[in-house]
């Protein structure tokens, strides 16, 4: 099943906004109903631009036949850009300036190499395409003719080693299918980002994904033990032991490279036994500052829950911490901040950590709200993107951005980004609602995840751009990283250049030239084009 072409996920899961939220949008933010009718997929017309017959023949030969090279309008539209709000607004306005000329579906590593050779011979750029869930412009190359390299046929569990607790997965395997295959043998990855239902294993590695249970299972890049990568210059194999002192770790060169250095064709990951017990609960704190201090104490001194996150006052009030119950606290006049703590593992370990963590959270001023808020969060943990689409449908603008910093910088970073977004959008005549939560915690710092809702303005994408730029500037000025888990893409690229510094970018450019001398792979993503 493909994702909705002009929105997120499964169309059957879309739901209208509650009346309380629609009224808030109108009365507080001045959101007006959308006037233009929605476009239908079958009515869209693409510009006439297809690879020449010789290129199509070469691509078909590379992947075993014409049936694995698609040039029809629907296939190309469904692989146009990603799922950021600007991406969706552009596709809903029939902007096809970034549409691929063809979609190519290889079945294995050797076929990927053959596709890269064919594209090099015919001067076609290549954009690796997994789940299509990028929200940072990671699927919008800055070069004319390109093909989308859809990896969905590479969707197997190749090997499982129960002694070492490792598994070898192909990159086009979607996360739910990966979990199902591992579960059949009693294991889990433990990687559950908000994009879980649609994202792929290769995408997780290419973008340094971080799942909602990262406090217990770690980030995806921490799970990766080895990678196989196809490049225009040949095959790159990285990782042959769990740890090594044999030079710099080349895995780290590919992790987060977003398809700019090569196409990931297999991923070796560490796996964990399926948990016997899962318990999620809610805790209330009087303020975001108080709750953040409690999370820091657990992250630094333990015991660390498997899931640990904290919504600020605004996000708690609106109910975004529990997307399936949005508006509930608004109607009840809820106050303070909601934290979610989750525990997974053996029954004994879960009970022990939960008891010890409860003592810490209580000592830090927290009040147990029971398991209902935690179970609501768990039930609705993948619903927020559908909520974003519902907001767009009624004429609101909704977008997210995230960052991370050391604990000592979190308060200033939180204030700086909120102020940048609020001031910029208010000056533009669309005062926003800015919400935030701590989504991932570490011993030394944490991630902040912001959600912004406002009226759209006459040209929503142009209206949002200054606010996004202001937020990016605030992130760097306050000591944050430009991306914690969404990646760089094109949206963050210019700020990533500043974060990495001239010498760092020069080193990455040198790698790019060696692995991809013609600059065919995802041009303009991660690094500026020459």
Protein backbone atom coordinates (compact mmCIF):
# COMPACT_ATOMS: atom_id res chain seq x y z
CA UNK A 1 0.00 0.00 0.00
CA UNK A 2 1.25 3.46 -0.92
CA UNK A 3 0.92 6.49 1.30
CA UNK A 4 -1.66 9.15 0.52
CA UNK A 5 -0.19 11.19 -2.35
CA UNK A 6 -1.11 14.58 -0.83
CA UNK A 7 -0.94 13.77 2.86
CA UNK A 8 0.27 11.28 5.42
CA UNK A 9 -0.33 7.58 5.64
CA UNK A 10 -3.53 5.63 5.20
CA UNK A 11 -6.53 7.72 4.01
CA UNK A 12 -8.83 5.49 6.08
CA UNK A 13 -7.17 6.75 9.27
CA UNK A 14 -7.80 10.43 8.61
CA UNK A 15 -10.13 12.09 11.13
CA UNK A 16 -11.67 15.57 11.39
CA UNK A 17 -10.68 17.94 14.17
CA UNK A 18 -12.81 18.15 17.34
CA UNK A 19 -15.09 21.21 17.47
CA UNK A 20 -13.13 22.58 20.43
CA UNK A 21 -9.92 22.65 18.40
CA UNK A 22 -11.60 24.12 15.30
CA UNK A 23 -13.07 26.89 17.48
CA UNK A 24 -9.70 27.60 19.05
CA UNK A 25 -8.09 27.90 15.63
CA UNK A 26 -10.74 30.36 14.51
CA UNK A 27 -10.96 32.47 17.65
CA UNK A 28 -7.34 32.49 18.79
CA UNK A 29 -5.37 32.23 15.55
CA UNK A 30 -7.75 33.65 12.95
CA UNK A 31 -7.72 30.50 10.82
CA UNK A 32 -10.08 30.73 7.87
CA UNK A 33 -11.56 27.77 5.98
CA UNK A 34 -9.74 26.79 2.83
CA UNK A 35 -11.42 28.25 -0.26
CA UNK A 36 -9.83 26.25 -3.10
CA UNK A 37 -11.24 22.75 -3.74
CA UNK A 38 -8.91 19.82 -3.24
CA UNK A 39 -7.30 18.37 -6.35
CA UNK A 40 -7.88 14.76 -7.34
CA UNK A 41 -4.95 12.54 -8.29
CA UNK A 42 -6.55 11.44 -11.55
CA UNK A 43 -6.96 15.06 -12.67
CA UNK A 44 -3.29 15.99 -12.32
CA UNK A 45 -1.13 16.45 -15.39
CA UNK A 46 2.65 16.26 -15.34
CA UNK A 47 5.02 18.09 -17.65
CA UNK A 48 6.22 15.99 -20.58
CA UNK A 49 9.71 15.05 -19.44
CA UNK A 50 10.85 11.47 -19.63
CA UNK A 51 14.32 9.98 -20.02
CA UNK A 52 15.32 9.29 -23.60
CA UNK A 53 14.58 5.77 -24.88
CA UNK A 54 18.21 4.72 -24.57
CA UNK A 55 18.25 5.66 -20.88
CA UNK A 56 14.99 3.82 -20.21
CA UNK A 57 16.35 0.74 -21.96
CA UNK A 58 19.53 0.85 -19.85
CA UNK A 59 17.52 1.21 -16.64
CA UNK A 60 15.23 -1.68 -17.59
CA UNK A 61 18.23 -3.89 -18.31
CA UNK A 62 19.69 -2.97 -14.94
CA UNK A 63 16.62 -4.12 -12.98
CA UNK A 64 15.49 -7.12 -14.99
CA UNK A 65 12.76 -5.73 -17.20
CA UNK A 66 10.48 -2.88 -18.21
CA UNK A 67 7.98 -3.74 -15.46
CA UNK A 68 10.45 -2.44 -12.88
CA UNK A 69 10.79 0.98 -14.50
CA UNK A 70 7.74 3.18 -14.17
CA UNK A 71 7.06 6.42 -16.01
CA UNK A 72 3.31 6.76 -15.43
CA UNK A 73 2.05 9.93 -13.74
CA UNK A 74 0.79 8.32 -10.54
CA UNK A 75 4.05 6.49 -9.79
CA UNK A 76 6.04 9.67 -10.32
CA UNK A 77 3.66 11.87 -8.28
CA UNK A 78 3.77 9.45 -5.33
CA UNK A 79 7.55 9.80 -5.22
CA UNK A 80 7.65 13.57 -5.49
CA UNK A 81 9.27 15.13 -2.41
CA UNK A 82 8.54 13.99 1.13
CA UNK A 83 5.94 14.77 3.79
CA UNK A 84 6.91 18.10 5.34
CA UNK A 85 4.16 20.70 5.42
CA UNK A 86 5.78 22.73 2.59
CA UNK A 87 6.10 19.48 0.59
CA UNK A 88 2.38 18.79 1.01
CA UNK A 89 1.33 22.36 0.27
CA UNK A 90 3.32 22.30 -2.96
CA UNK A 91 1.92 18.99 -4.14
CA UNK A 92 -1.62 20.10 -3.22
CA UNK A 93 -1.03 23.17 -5.42
CA UNK A 94 0.07 20.91 -8.32
CA UNK A 95 3.69 22.08 -8.12
CA UNK A 96 5.63 19.32 -9.90
CA UNK A 97 8.96 21.09 -10.25
CA UNK A 98 10.65 18.22 -8.35
CA UNK A 99 8.94 15.25 -9.99
CA UNK A 100 11.18 12.33 -11.00
CA UNK A 101 11.35 11.39 -14.66
CA UNK A 102 11.06 7.71 -13.81
CA UNK A 103 10.79 5.33 -10.87
CA UNK A 104 13.25 2.43 -10.85
CA UNK A 105 12.77 -0.61 -8.59
CA UNK A 106 15.90 -2.76 -8.12
CA UNK A 107 15.75 -6.15 -6.40
CA UNK A 108 19.23 -6.30 -4.88
CA UNK A 109 22.67 -4.82 -4.41
CA UNK A 110 23.98 -5.75 -7.86
CA UNK A 111 20.95 -4.20 -9.54
CA UNK A 112 21.47 -0.98 -7.58
CA UNK A 113 25.06 -0.87 -8.83
CA UNK A 114 23.79 -1.43 -12.37
CA UNK A 115 21.25 1.40 -12.03
CA UNK A 116 23.98 3.75 -10.82
CA UNK A 117 26.14 2.85 -13.80
CA UNK A 118 23.23 3.43 -16.19
CA UNK A 119 22.41 6.78 -14.60
CA UNK A 120 26.05 7.86 -14.79
CA UNK A 121 26.17 6.96 -18.48
CA UNK A 122 23.02 8.97 -19.21
CA UNK A 123 23.61 11.86 -16.79
CA UNK A 124 20.60 11.16 -14.62
CA UNK A 125 20.65 12.03 -10.93
CA UNK A 126 19.45 9.40 -8.44
CA UNK A 127 17.29 9.92 -5.35
CA UNK A 128 17.05 6.83 -3.09
CA UNK A 129 13.42 6.41 -2.01
CA UNK A 130 12.31 4.31 0.96
CA UNK A 131 9.14 5.22 2.81
CA UNK A 132 9.01 8.78 1.48
CA UNK A 133 8.65 10.19 5.01
CA UNK A 134 11.33 12.90 4.89
CA UNK A 135 10.23 16.19 6.46
CA UNK A 136 13.34 18.25 5.66
CA UNK A 137 13.41 18.33 1.87
CA UNK A 138 15.47 15.16 1.66
CA UNK A 139 13.73 13.99 -1.51
CA UNK A 140 13.97 17.26 -3.46
CA UNK A 141 17.29 17.21 -5.32
CA UNK A 142 18.65 20.44 -6.70
CA UNK A 143 19.35 19.21 -10.20
CA UNK A 144 17.16 18.84 -13.28
CA UNK A 145 16.65 15.28 -14.55
CA UNK A 146 16.56 12.53 -11.93
CA UNK A 147 15.07 9.13 -11.21
CA UNK A 148 13.60 7.89 -7.93
CA UNK A 149 15.33 4.68 -6.84
CA UNK A 150 12.50 2.93 -5.00
CA UNK A 151 13.91 0.17 -2.77
CA UNK A 152 10.62 -1.55 -1.89
CA UNK A 153 11.59 -4.81 -3.65
CA UNK A 154 14.58 -5.07 -1.29
CA UNK A 155 12.45 -5.93 1.72
CA UNK A 156 13.75 -9.09 3.34
CA UNK A 157 15.24 -10.35 6.59
CA UNK A 158 18.42 -11.89 5.19
CA UNK A 159 19.92 -13.39 8.34
CA UNK A 160 19.30 -13.66 12.06
CA UNK A 161 22.07 -14.67 14.47
CA UNK A 162 20.50 -15.55 17.85
CA UNK A 163 23.91 -16.13 19.47
CA UNK A 164 25.20 -12.63 18.64
CA UNK A 165 21.68 -11.18 18.64
CA UNK A 166 22.08 -9.54 15.25
CA UNK A 167 19.94 -9.40 12.14
CA UNK A 168 20.70 -8.42 8.53
CA UNK A 169 17.85 -6.43 6.97
CA UNK A 170 17.34 -5.03 3.50
CA UNK A 171 16.80 -1.27 3.20
CA UNK A 172 13.31 -1.25 1.68
CA UNK A 173 11.81 -3.23 4.56
CA UNK A 174 9.20 -1.13 6.31
CA UNK A 175 9.43 -0.96 10.07
CA UNK A 176 6.18 -2.88 10.85
CA UNK A 177 7.23 -5.72 8.56
CA UNK A 178 10.70 -5.77 10.11
CA UNK A 179 9.18 -6.03 13.58
CA UNK A 180 6.84 -8.80 12.46
CA UNK A 181 9.69 -10.84 10.94
CA UNK A 182 11.83 -10.41 14.05
CA UNK A 183 8.91 -11.15 16.38
CA UNK A 184 8.38 -14.52 14.71
CA UNK A 185 11.75 -15.49 16.21
CA UNK A 186 11.24 -13.71 19.53
CA UNK A 187 13.08 -10.44 18.91
CA UNK A 188 12.53 -6.72 18.39
CA UNK A 189 14.54 -3.74 17.20
CA UNK A 190 12.82 -1.49 19.70
CA UNK A 191 12.79 1.35 17.17
CA UNK A 192 9.43 3.13 17.07
CA UNK A 193 9.62 6.67 15.66
CA UNK A 194 6.47 8.59 14.80
CA UNK A 195 7.03 7.56 11.17
CA UNK A 196 7.14 3.87 12.18
CA UNK A 197 4.16 2.71 10.12
CA UNK A 198 5.68 3.91 6.83
CA UNK A 199 9.44 4.45 7.20
CA UNK A 200 12.04 1.89 6.11
CA UNK A 201 15.17 0.36 7.57
CA UNK A 202 17.38 2.11 5.01
CA UNK A 203 15.74 5.43 5.75
CA UNK A 204 16.32 5.01 9.48
CA UNK A 205 20.04 4.57 8.84
CA UNK A 206 20.35 7.27 6.19
CA UNK A 207 18.71 9.91 8.41
CA UNK A 208 20.00 8.85 11.86
CA UNK A 209 16.49 8.18 13.09
CA UNK A 210 15.60 8.18 16.77
CA UNK A 211 12.61 6.21 18.06
CA UNK A 212 10.22 7.08 20.85
CA UNK A 213 11.72 4.36 23.06
CA UNK A 214 15.26 5.67 22.62
CA UNK A 215 15.79 6.05 26.37
CA UNK A 216 15.73 2.27 26.63
CA UNK A 217 16.73 0.93 23.21
CA UNK A 218 18.93 3.75 21.92
CA UNK A 219 18.88 5.63 18.62
CA UNK A 220 18.88 3.69 15.36
CA UNK A 221 22.48 4.65 14.59
CA UNK A 222 23.45 3.00 17.88
CA UNK A 223 21.77 -0.21 16.71
CA UNK A 224 23.68 -0.41 13.41
CA UNK A 225 26.64 -2.80 13.41
CA UNK A 226 27.40 -3.03 9.68
CA UNK A 227 26.30 -1.55 6.36
CA UNK A 228 26.63 -2.48 2.71
CA UNK A 229 26.55 0.50 0.38
CA UNK A 230 26.38 0.75 -3.42
CA UNK A 231 28.13 3.81 -4.85
CA UNK A 232 28.88 4.94 -8.42
CA UNK A 233 32.48 3.86 -7.72
CA UNK A 234 31.63 0.40 -6.40
CA UNK A 235 30.72 -1.34 -3.14
CA UNK A 236 31.54 -0.11 0.35
CA UNK A 237 31.41 -2.61 3.23
CA UNK A 238 31.54 -1.22 6.76
CA UNK A 239 31.56 -2.97 10.14
CA UNK A 240 32.83 -6.47 10.91
CA UNK A 241 32.72 -6.46 14.72
CA UNK A 242 30.59 -4.82 17.42
CA UNK A 243 33.43 -2.42 18.24
CA UNK A 244 36.81 -1.83 16.62
CA UNK A 245 39.91 0.33 16.91
CA UNK A 246 40.83 -0.27 13.26
CA UNK A 247 40.80 3.35 12.19
CA UNK A 248 37.80 5.74 12.02
CA UNK A 249 34.41 4.03 11.95
CA UNK A 250 33.23 4.19 8.33
CA UNK A 251 29.71 3.32 9.42
CA UNK A 252 29.47 6.81 10.84
CA UNK A 253 30.31 8.23 7.42
CA UNK A 254 27.22 6.61 5.90
CA UNK A 255 24.83 6.98 8.84
CA UNK A 256 23.10 10.32 8.35
CA UNK A 257 24.43 10.77 4.80
CA UNK A 258 20.88 10.80 3.34
CA UNK A 259 21.79 9.03 0.12
CA UNK A 260 24.39 11.62 -0.86
CA UNK A 261 27.36 9.22 -0.60
CA UNK A 262 25.77 5.94 -1.66
CA UNK A 263 22.70 3.71 -1.52
CA UNK A 264 22.43 1.52 1.57
CA UNK A 265 21.63 -2.03 0.41
CA UNK A 266 21.81 -3.96 3.69
CA UNK A 267 21.86 -3.07 7.38
CA UNK A 268 23.14 -5.32 10.17
CA UNK A 269 21.49 -4.37 13.47
CA UNK A 270 21.55 -5.56 17.03
CA UNK A 271 18.26 -6.98 18.26
CA UNK A 272 16.71 -7.54 21.67
CA UNK A 273 14.34 -10.19 23.03
CA UNK A 274 10.67 -9.24 22.87
CA UNK A 275 9.67 -7.63 26.17
CA UNK A 276 7.49 -9.68 28.49
CA UNK A 277 5.93 -6.58 29.98
CA UNK A 278 5.03 -3.07 28.75
CA UNK A 279 3.66 -0.38 31.06
CA UNK A 280 3.15 3.29 30.17
CA UNK A 281 2.04 5.90 32.69
CA UNK A 282 1.56 9.64 33.01
CA UNK A 283 3.05 12.09 35.51
CA UNK A 284 2.06 15.71 36.15
CA UNK A 285 4.50 18.51 36.92
CA UNK A 286 3.74 22.10 37.80
CA UNK A 287 6.05 23.54 35.14
CA UNK A 288 8.19 22.55 32.18
CA UNK A 289 11.30 23.53 34.16
CA UNK A 290 10.32 21.25 37.02
CA UNK A 291 9.56 18.34 34.71
CA UNK A 292 12.81 18.80 32.76
CA UNK A 293 14.79 18.63 36.00
CA UNK A 294 13.08 15.34 36.84
CA UNK A 295 13.87 13.87 33.40
CA UNK A 296 17.49 14.98 33.72
CA UNK A 297 17.82 13.24 37.06
CA UNK A 298 16.50 9.96 35.66
CA UNK A 299 18.69 10.24 32.56
CA UNK A 300 21.82 10.92 34.58
CA UNK A 301 21.37 8.90 37.75
CA UNK A 302 18.71 6.36 36.81
CA UNK A 303 16.74 4.29 36.75
CA UNK A 304 16.08 5.17 33.12
CA UNK A 305 12.64 4.24 31.73
CA UNK A 306 12.38 2.83 28.21
CA UNK A 307 10.21 5.78 27.14
CA UNK A 308 10.65 9.18 28.72
CA UNK A 309 9.16 12.42 27.37
CA UNK A 310 7.72 15.68 28.68
CA UNK A 311 5.22 18.11 27.13
CA UNK A 312 5.31 21.79 27.99
CA UNK A 313 2.29 23.65 29.37
CA UNK A 314 0.84 24.57 25.98
CA UNK A 315 1.20 21.13 24.45
CA UNK A 316 -0.32 19.58 27.57
CA UNK A 317 -3.26 21.98 27.54
CA UNK A 318 -4.06 21.35 23.88
CA UNK A 319 -3.64 17.60 24.37
CA UNK A 320 -0.99 17.01 21.72
CA UNK A 321 0.83 14.72 24.13
CA UNK A 322 -2.05 12.28 23.50
CA UNK A 323 -3.10 12.94 19.87
CA UNK A 324 -6.09 10.58 19.98
CA UNK A 325 -7.50 12.61 22.89
CA UNK A 326 -6.66 16.09 21.63
CA UNK A 327 -8.72 18.81 23.22
CA UNK A 328 -9.54 16.78 26.36
CA UNK A 329 -7.45 18.90 28.74
CA UNK A 330 -8.65 22.04 26.99
CA UNK A 331 -12.23 21.21 27.84
CA UNK A 332 -11.32 20.27 31.43
CA UNK A 333 -9.03 23.22 32.07
CA UNK A 334 -5.95 21.02 32.60
CA UNK A 335 -2.79 22.72 33.84
CA UNK A 336 0.86 21.97 34.26
CA UNK A 337 2.94 19.58 32.16
CA UNK A 338 2.42 15.94 31.31
CA UNK A 339 5.32 13.48 31.29
CA UNK A 340 5.10 9.97 29.86
CA UNK A 341 7.22 7.21 31.35
CA UNK A 342 7.21 3.75 29.81
CA UNK A 343 8.85 0.52 30.92
CA UNK A 344 9.57 -2.53 28.77
CA UNK A 345 11.43 -5.72 29.59
CA UNK A 346 11.02 -8.70 31.86
CA UNK A 347 8.20 -8.43 34.36
CA UNK A 348 10.67 -8.27 37.23
CA UNK A 349 12.86 -5.61 35.64
CA UNK A 350 9.89 -3.51 34.57
CA UNK A 351 8.37 -3.52 38.04
CA UNK A 352 11.71 -2.74 39.69
CA UNK A 353 12.59 0.19 37.43
CA UNK A 354 9.04 1.57 37.61
CA UNK A 355 9.08 1.56 41.41
CA UNK A 356 12.48 3.23 41.66
CA UNK A 357 11.67 5.80 38.96
CA UNK A 358 8.40 6.66 40.70
CA UNK A 359 10.33 7.53 43.85
CA UNK A 360 12.59 9.87 41.86
CA UNK A 361 9.71 11.52 39.98
CA UNK A 362 7.78 12.03 43.22
CA UNK A 363 10.84 13.51 44.90
CA UNK A 364 11.14 15.93 41.97
CA UNK A 365 7.59 17.22 42.47
CA UNK A 366 5.76 14.89 40.10
CA UNK A 367 2.27 13.50 40.70
CA UNK A 368 1.31 10.13 39.28
CA UNK A 369 -1.60 10.44 36.83
CA UNK A 370 -2.00 6.70 36.40
CA UNK A 371 -1.66 4.48 33.36
CA UNK A 372 -4.50 6.03 31.33
CA UNK A 373 -2.41 8.97 29.96
CA UNK A 374 0.43 6.59 29.15
CA UNK A 375 -1.84 4.12 27.37
CA UNK A 376 -3.50 6.98 25.47
CA UNK A 377 -0.09 8.16 24.33
CA UNK A 378 0.91 4.64 23.28
CA UNK A 379 -2.35 4.16 21.37
CA UNK A 380 -2.03 7.49 19.54
CA UNK A 381 1.75 7.66 19.17
CA UNK A 382 1.59 7.51 15.35
CA UNK A 383 -1.43 9.80 14.95
CA UNK A 384 0.15 13.27 14.97
CA UNK A 385 0.88 13.41 11.21
CA UNK A 386 -2.79 12.69 10.51
CA UNK A 387 -3.67 15.55 12.85
CA UNK A 388 -1.33 17.82 10.85
CA UNK A 389 -3.22 16.93 7.67
CA UNK A 390 -6.55 17.70 9.35
CA UNK A 391 -5.21 21.12 10.33
CA UNK A 392 -4.14 21.81 6.74
CA UNK A 393 -7.57 20.76 5.53
CA UNK A 394 -9.32 23.46 7.57
CA UNK A 395 -6.90 26.21 6.54
CA UNK A 396 -4.37 26.12 9.39
CA UNK A 397 -0.62 25.84 8.95
CA UNK A 398 1.06 23.17 11.10
CA UNK A 399 4.71 22.16 11.07
CA UNK A 400 7.32 20.64 13.34
CA UNK A 401 11.03 21.15 13.96
CA UNK A 402 13.46 19.69 16.44
CA UNK A 403 16.90 20.15 17.91
CA UNK A 404 19.07 18.95 20.79
CA UNK A 405 21.57 20.44 23.22
CA UNK A 406 23.39 19.82 26.47
CA UNK A 407 21.21 20.05 29.57
CA UNK A 408 22.70 23.39 30.66
CA UNK A 409 21.63 24.95 27.36
CA UNK A 410 18.13 23.50 27.17
CA UNK A 411 16.32 26.38 28.96
CA UNK A 412 17.83 29.09 26.74
CA UNK A 413 17.35 26.99 23.61
CA UNK A 414 13.69 26.41 24.46
CA UNK A 415 13.09 30.12 25.00
CA UNK A 416 15.04 31.23 21.93
CA UNK A 417 13.25 28.97 19.45
CA UNK A 418 9.80 29.71 20.87
CA UNK A 419 10.50 33.44 20.71
CA UNK A 420 11.87 33.27 17.16
CA UNK A 421 8.77 31.47 15.92
CA UNK A 422 6.31 33.59 17.86
CA UNK A 423 7.87 36.94 16.98
CA UNK A 424 8.35 36.19 13.28
CA UNK A 425 4.86 34.84 12.67
CA UNK A 426 3.18 37.49 14.82
CA UNK A 427 4.92 40.26 12.91
CA UNK A 428 3.67 38.63 9.70
CA UNK A 429 0.09 38.88 10.94
CA UNK A 430 -0.44 35.24 11.92
CA UNK A 431 0.26 34.82 15.66
CA UNK A 432 1.09 31.15 16.27
CA UNK A 433 0.51 28.51 18.86
CA UNK A 434 3.96 27.08 19.67
CA UNK A 435 4.14 23.80 21.58
CA UNK A 436 7.16 21.75 22.63
CA UNK A 437 8.16 18.50 24.24
CA UNK A 438 11.35 16.80 25.31
CA UNK A 439 11.31 13.72 23.09
CA UNK A 440 14.66 12.04 23.81
CA UNK A 441 16.96 12.17 26.82
CA UNK A 442 20.63 11.41 27.36
CA UNK A 443 22.99 11.62 30.30
CA UNK A 444 24.35 14.90 28.94
CA UNK A 445 21.41 16.51 27.16
CA UNK A 446 18.04 16.18 25.48
CA UNK A 447 16.06 16.83 22.32
CA UNK A 448 13.41 19.54 21.99
CA UNK A 449 10.58 18.94 19.50
CA UNK A 450 8.48 21.97 18.55
CA UNK A 451 5.06 22.04 16.89
CA UNK A 452 3.84 25.31 15.34
CA UNK A 453 0.25 26.08 14.35
CA UNK A 454 -0.93 29.34 12.78
CA UNK A 455 -3.10 30.71 10.01
CA UNK A 456 -1.66 29.94 6.58
CA UNK A 457 -1.35 33.38 5.04
CA UNK A 458 -1.83 34.11 1.34
CA UNK A 459 1.18 32.04 0.25
CA UNK A 460 1.68 29.47 3.07
CA UNK A 461 5.14 28.25 2.01
CA UNK A 462 6.54 31.75 1.53
CA UNK A 463 4.86 32.81 4.77
CA UNK A 464 6.52 29.98 6.73
CA UNK A 465 10.02 30.35 5.29
CA UNK A 466 11.12 33.42 7.34
CA UNK A 467 9.87 31.76 10.54
CA UNK A 468 11.73 28.55 9.77
CA UNK A 469 14.90 30.51 9.03
CA UNK A 470 14.52 32.49 12.26
CA UNK A 471 14.13 29.25 14.23
CA UNK A 472 17.22 27.78 12.57
CA UNK A 473 19.21 30.88 13.46
CA UNK A 474 17.98 30.66 17.04
CA UNK A 475 19.00 27.01 17.27
CA UNK A 476 22.59 27.72 16.26
CA UNK A 477 22.87 30.86 18.37
CA UNK A 478 21.63 29.03 21.48
CA UNK A 479 24.07 26.15 21.06
CA UNK A 480 21.73 23.53 19.63
CA UNK A 481 22.24 21.18 16.71
CA UNK A 482 20.31 21.89 13.53
CA UNK A 483 18.78 18.40 13.60
CA UNK A 484 18.46 15.70 16.23
CA UNK A 485 16.58 13.07 14.23
CA UNK A 486 14.89 14.52 11.13
CA UNK A 487 18.10 14.83 9.13
CA UNK A 488 19.47 17.74 7.10
CA UNK A 489 17.91 17.49 3.65
CA UNK A 490 17.75 20.81 1.83
CA UNK A 491 15.81 22.64 4.54
CA UNK A 492 18.66 22.53 7.08
CA UNK A 493 21.59 22.30 4.70
CA UNK A 494 22.81 25.91 4.87
CA UNK A 495 22.77 25.86 8.67
CA UNK A 496 24.43 22.44 8.73
CA UNK A 497 27.27 23.96 6.69
CA UNK A 498 27.76 26.51 9.45
CA UNK A 499 27.46 23.92 12.22
CA UNK A 500 30.05 21.60 10.63
CA UNK A 501 32.41 24.45 9.71
CA UNK A 502 34.45 25.04 6.53
CA UNK A 503 37.01 22.31 7.13
CA UNK A 504 34.38 19.75 8.06
CA UNK A 505 32.35 20.48 4.94
CA UNK A 506 35.51 20.36 2.79
CA UNK A 507 36.25 16.88 4.18
CA UNK A 508 32.72 15.70 3.37
CA UNK A 509 32.96 17.17 -0.12
CA UNK A 510 36.14 15.17 -0.65
CA UNK A 511 34.30 11.99 0.35
CA UNK A 512 31.45 12.90 -2.00
CA UNK A 513 33.86 13.42 -4.91
CA UNK A 514 35.55 10.04 -4.31
CA UNK A 515 32.36 7.99 -3.95
CA UNK A 516 30.19 9.97 -6.38
CA UNK A 517 32.50 11.89 -8.74
CA UNK A 518 29.70 12.98 -11.10
CA UNK A 519 27.53 14.25 -8.24
CA UNK A 520 24.58 12.03 -9.20
CA UNK A 521 23.40 10.97 -5.72
CA UNK A 522 20.75 13.21 -4.17
CA UNK A 523 22.42 16.43 -5.39
CA UNK A 524 21.97 19.42 -3.10
CA UNK A 525 20.80 17.28 -0.19
CA UNK A 526 23.07 17.41 2.90
CA UNK A 527 25.79 19.31 1.00
CA UNK A 528 25.46 22.27 -1.39
CA UNK A 529 26.09 21.46 -5.02
CA UNK A 530 29.41 22.70 -6.40
